[in-house]
């Protein structure tokens, strides 16, 4: 089982208490389910993505900053240590890794950050 969450499940910011609560709950669910299912050989992991390069994220950034899309993206890029949004392929590969790497992530029970260093 793979739970797709957000870097906010590992961090938080002012003004997003509802969203942060939901994402922290997903990480807690993953940790609990992993312990409960381990005896049956079921792995439960989560991918906690950072800011993806998607139209939905661009709309959020424009709304949050009031800036044009290219300026809003640069503002948000400045908050990411890697200095860029994640592409969909990077996020998909992290989920594929969790799904396929039996020996590497056998009972991992912790989130795999795909966030450009935002969780640090």
C-alpha atoms as a PDB file:
ATOM      1  CA  UNK A   1       0.000   0.000   0.000  1.00  0.00           C
ATOM      2  CA  UNK A   2       1.315   3.431  -0.894  1.00  0.00           C
ATOM      3  CA  UNK A   3      -0.205   6.580   0.543  1.00  0.00           C
ATOM      4  CA  UNK A   4       0.443   9.707  -1.495  1.00  0.00           C
ATOM      5  CA  UNK A   5       0.804  12.657   0.818  1.00  0.00           C
ATOM      6  CA  UNK A   6       2.543  16.005   0.905  1.00  0.00           C
ATOM      7  CA  UNK A   7       5.680  17.479   2.425  1.00  0.00           C
ATOM      8  CA  UNK A   8       3.236  19.204   4.775  1.00  0.00           C
ATOM      9  CA  UNK A   9       2.830  15.790   6.436  1.00  0.00           C
ATOM     10  CA  UNK A  10       6.407  16.319   7.654  1.00  0.00           C
ATOM     11  CA  UNK A  11       6.381  20.101   8.078  1.00  0.00           C
ATOM     12  CA  UNK A  12       3.839  22.895   8.362  1.00  0.00           C
ATOM     13  CA  UNK A  13       3.350  26.628   7.911  1.00  0.00           C
ATOM     14  CA  UNK A  14       1.160  29.275   9.451  1.00  0.00           C
ATOM     15  CA  UNK A  15      -2.366  29.475   8.086  1.00  0.00           C
ATOM     16  CA  UNK A  16      -2.736  25.873   6.893  1.00  0.00           C
ATOM     17  CA  UNK A  17      -3.807  24.072  10.052  1.00  0.00           C
ATOM     18  CA  UNK A  18      -6.584  22.050   8.402  1.00  0.00           C
ATOM     19  CA  UNK A  19      -4.403  20.929   5.502  1.00  0.00           C
ATOM     20  CA  UNK A  20      -1.451  20.185   7.803  1.00  0.00           C
ATOM     21  CA  UNK A  21      -3.653  18.143  10.118  1.00  0.00           C
ATOM     22  CA  UNK A  22      -4.919  16.050   7.208  1.00  0.00           C
ATOM     23  CA  UNK A  23      -1.413  15.417   5.853  1.00  0.00           C
ATOM     24  CA  UNK A  24       0.025  14.555   9.275  1.00  0.00           C
ATOM     25  CA  UNK A  25      -2.894  12.139   9.687  1.00  0.00           C
ATOM     26  CA  UNK A  26      -1.941  10.407   6.422  1.00  0.00           C
ATOM     27  CA  UNK A  27       1.615   9.874   7.676  1.00  0.00           C
ATOM     28  CA  UNK A  28       0.280   8.599  11.009  1.00  0.00           C
ATOM     29  CA  UNK A  29      -2.082   6.234   9.202  1.00  0.00           C
ATOM     30  CA  UNK A  30       0.823   4.920   7.123  1.00  0.00           C
ATOM     31  CA  UNK A  31       2.964   4.262  10.219  1.00  0.00           C
ATOM     32  CA  UNK A  32       0.146   2.514  12.065  1.00  0.00           C
ATOM     33  CA  UNK A  33      -1.025   0.468   9.082  1.00  0.00           C
ATOM     34  CA  UNK A  34       2.565  -0.599   8.372  1.00  0.00           C
ATOM     35  CA  UNK A  35       2.898  -2.030  11.876  1.00  0.00           C
ATOM     36  CA  UNK A  36      -0.513  -3.694  11.726  1.00  0.00           C
ATOM     37  CA  UNK A  37       0.060  -5.265   8.293  1.00  0.00           C
ATOM     38  CA  UNK A  38       3.732  -6.233   8.658  1.00  0.00           C
ATOM     39  CA  UNK A  39       2.932  -9.683  10.048  1.00  0.00           C
ATOM     40  CA  UNK A  40       1.016 -10.490   6.863  1.00  0.00           C
ATOM     41  CA  UNK A  41       3.884  -9.371   4.624  1.00  0.00           C
ATOM     42  CA  UNK A  42       2.087  -6.216   3.534  1.00  0.00           C
ATOM     43  CA  UNK A  43       4.244  -3.129   3.134  1.00  0.00           C
ATOM     44  CA  UNK A  44       2.747   0.281   3.756  1.00  0.00           C
ATOM     45  CA  UNK A  45       4.733   3.346   2.732  1.00  0.00           C
ATOM     46  CA  UNK A  46       4.085   6.908   1.698  1.00  0.00           C
ATOM     47  CA  UNK A  47       5.460   9.332  -0.829  1.00  0.00           C
ATOM     48  CA  UNK A  48       5.464  12.882   0.498  1.00  0.00           C
ATOM     49  CA  UNK A  49       5.784  15.149  -2.478  1.00  0.00           C
ATOM     50  CA  UNK A  50       6.779  18.769  -2.500  1.00  0.00           C
ATOM     51  CA  UNK A  51       5.470  21.335  -4.894  1.00  0.00           C
ATOM     52  CA  UNK A  52       4.708  19.643  -8.220  1.00  0.00           C
ATOM     53  CA  UNK A  53       4.887  21.410 -11.551  1.00  0.00           C
ATOM     54  CA  UNK A  54       1.167  21.183 -12.315  1.00  0.00           C
ATOM     55  CA  UNK A  55      -1.603  23.553 -13.330  1.00  0.00           C
ATOM     56  CA  UNK A  56      -3.276  23.021  -9.933  1.00  0.00           C
ATOM     57  CA  UNK A  57      -0.089  24.065  -8.098  1.00  0.00           C
ATOM     58  CA  UNK A  58       0.355  27.070 -10.406  1.00  0.00           C
ATOM     59  CA  UNK A  59      -3.194  28.220  -9.565  1.00  0.00           C
ATOM     60  CA  UNK A  60      -2.417  27.917  -5.840  1.00  0.00           C
ATOM     61  CA  UNK A  61       0.757  29.963  -6.254  1.00  0.00           C
ATOM     62  CA  UNK A  62      -0.976  32.727  -8.216  1.00  0.00           C
ATOM     63  CA  UNK A  63      -3.752  32.896  -5.625  1.00  0.00           C
ATOM     64  CA  UNK A  64      -1.290  32.888  -2.706  1.00  0.00           C
ATOM     65  CA  UNK A  65       0.982  35.591  -4.128  1.00  0.00           C
ATOM     66  CA  UNK A  66      -1.268  37.642  -6.393  1.00  0.00           C
ATOM     67  CA  UNK A  67       1.588  37.569  -8.901  1.00  0.00           C
ATOM     68  CA  UNK A  68       1.561  36.420 -12.540  1.00  0.00           C
ATOM     69  CA  UNK A  69       2.246  32.667 -12.964  1.00  0.00           C
ATOM     70  CA  UNK A  70       5.947  33.006 -13.871  1.00  0.00           C
ATOM     71  CA  UNK A  71       6.657  35.354 -10.947  1.00  0.00           C
ATOM     72  CA  UNK A  72       4.617  33.230  -8.522  1.00  0.00           C
ATOM     73  CA  UNK A  73       6.554  30.120  -9.594  1.00  0.00           C
ATOM     74  CA  UNK A  74       9.876  31.875  -8.915  1.00  0.00           C
ATOM     75  CA  UNK A  75       8.651  32.961  -5.475  1.00  0.00           C
ATOM     76  CA  UNK A  76       7.770  29.362  -4.624  1.00  0.00           C
ATOM     77  CA  UNK A  77      10.969  27.989  -6.203  1.00  0.00           C
ATOM     78  CA  UNK A  78      12.916  30.208  -3.801  1.00  0.00           C
ATOM     79  CA  UNK A  79      11.367  28.257  -0.895  1.00  0.00           C
ATOM     80  CA  UNK A  80      12.616  24.905  -2.237  1.00  0.00           C
ATOM     81  CA  UNK A  81      16.263  24.049  -1.450  1.00  0.00           C
ATOM     82  CA  UNK A  82      16.637  22.384  -4.874  1.00  0.00           C
ATOM     83  CA  UNK A  83      15.176  25.645  -6.299  1.00  0.00           C
ATOM     84  CA  UNK A  84      12.622  24.036  -8.616  1.00  0.00           C
ATOM     85  CA  UNK A  85       9.268  22.286  -8.598  1.00  0.00           C
ATOM     86  CA  UNK A  86       9.113  18.491  -8.893  1.00  0.00           C
ATOM     87  CA  UNK A  87       8.066  17.159 -12.259  1.00  0.00           C
ATOM     88  CA  UNK A  88       5.300  14.570 -12.434  1.00  0.00           C
ATOM     89  CA  UNK A  89       7.775  11.931 -13.637  1.00  0.00           C
ATOM     90  CA  UNK A  90       9.911  12.325 -10.492  1.00  0.00           C
ATOM     91  CA  UNK A  91       6.886  11.825  -8.278  1.00  0.00           C
ATOM     92  CA  UNK A  92       5.716   8.836 -10.325  1.00  0.00           C
ATOM     93  CA  UNK A  93       9.169   7.212 -10.124  1.00  0.00           C
ATOM     94  CA  UNK A  94       9.194   7.555  -6.335  1.00  0.00           C
ATOM     95  CA  UNK A  95       5.861   5.720  -6.130  1.00  0.00           C
ATOM     96  CA  UNK A  96       7.105   3.055  -8.539  1.00  0.00           C
ATOM     97  CA  UNK A  97      10.210   2.638  -6.369  1.00  0.00           C
ATOM     98  CA  UNK A  98       8.059   2.069  -3.298  1.00  0.00           C
ATOM     99  CA  UNK A  99       5.868  -0.393  -5.202  1.00  0.00           C
ATOM    100  CA  UNK A 100       8.703  -2.456  -6.687  1.00  0.00           C
ATOM    101  CA  UNK A 101      11.647  -2.398  -4.314  1.00  0.00           C
ATOM    102  CA  UNK A 102      10.665  -5.264  -1.997  1.00  0.00           C
ATOM    103  CA  UNK A 103      14.075  -5.727  -0.405  1.00  0.00           C
ATOM    104  CA  UNK A 104      14.952  -2.045  -0.184  1.00  0.00           C
ATOM    105  CA  UNK A 105      11.732  -0.847   1.415  1.00  0.00           C
ATOM    106  CA  UNK A 106      10.450  -4.038   3.007  1.00  0.00           C
ATOM    107  CA  UNK A 107       9.020  -2.525   6.188  1.00  0.00           C
ATOM    108  CA  UNK A 108      10.049   1.046   5.628  1.00  0.00           C
ATOM    109  CA  UNK A 109       7.274   2.657   7.725  1.00  0.00           C
ATOM    110  CA  UNK A 110       8.395   6.178   7.021  1.00  0.00           C
ATOM    111  CA  UNK A 111       7.627   8.672   4.296  1.00  0.00           C
ATOM    112  CA  UNK A 112       9.800   8.973   1.208  1.00  0.00           C
ATOM    113  CA  UNK A 113      10.229  12.718   0.651  1.00  0.00           C
ATOM    114  CA  UNK A 114      10.141  13.850  -2.971  1.00  0.00           C
ATOM    115  CA  UNK A 115      10.319  17.533  -2.154  1.00  0.00           C
ATOM    116  CA  UNK A 116      13.638  19.007  -3.229  1.00  0.00           C
ATOM    117  CA  UNK A 117      14.768  19.208   0.396  1.00  0.00           C
ATOM    118  CA  UNK A 118      11.763  21.076   1.815  1.00  0.00           C
ATOM    119  CA  UNK A 119      11.339  18.650   4.731  1.00  0.00           C
ATOM    120  CA  UNK A 120      14.802  19.367   6.127  1.00  0.00           C
END
